Amino acid sequence: MAIALRKPKEIEKLRAANKIVGGALE
């Protein structure tokens, strides 16, 4: 996670992807 913390933009991308996947699963 240390690497991700250094890249806020990457975290935003991961969160967006999680929202899309979560919505699809639901």
Foldseek 3Di string as FASTA:
>chain_A
DVVCVVPVVVVVVVVVVCVVVVVVVD
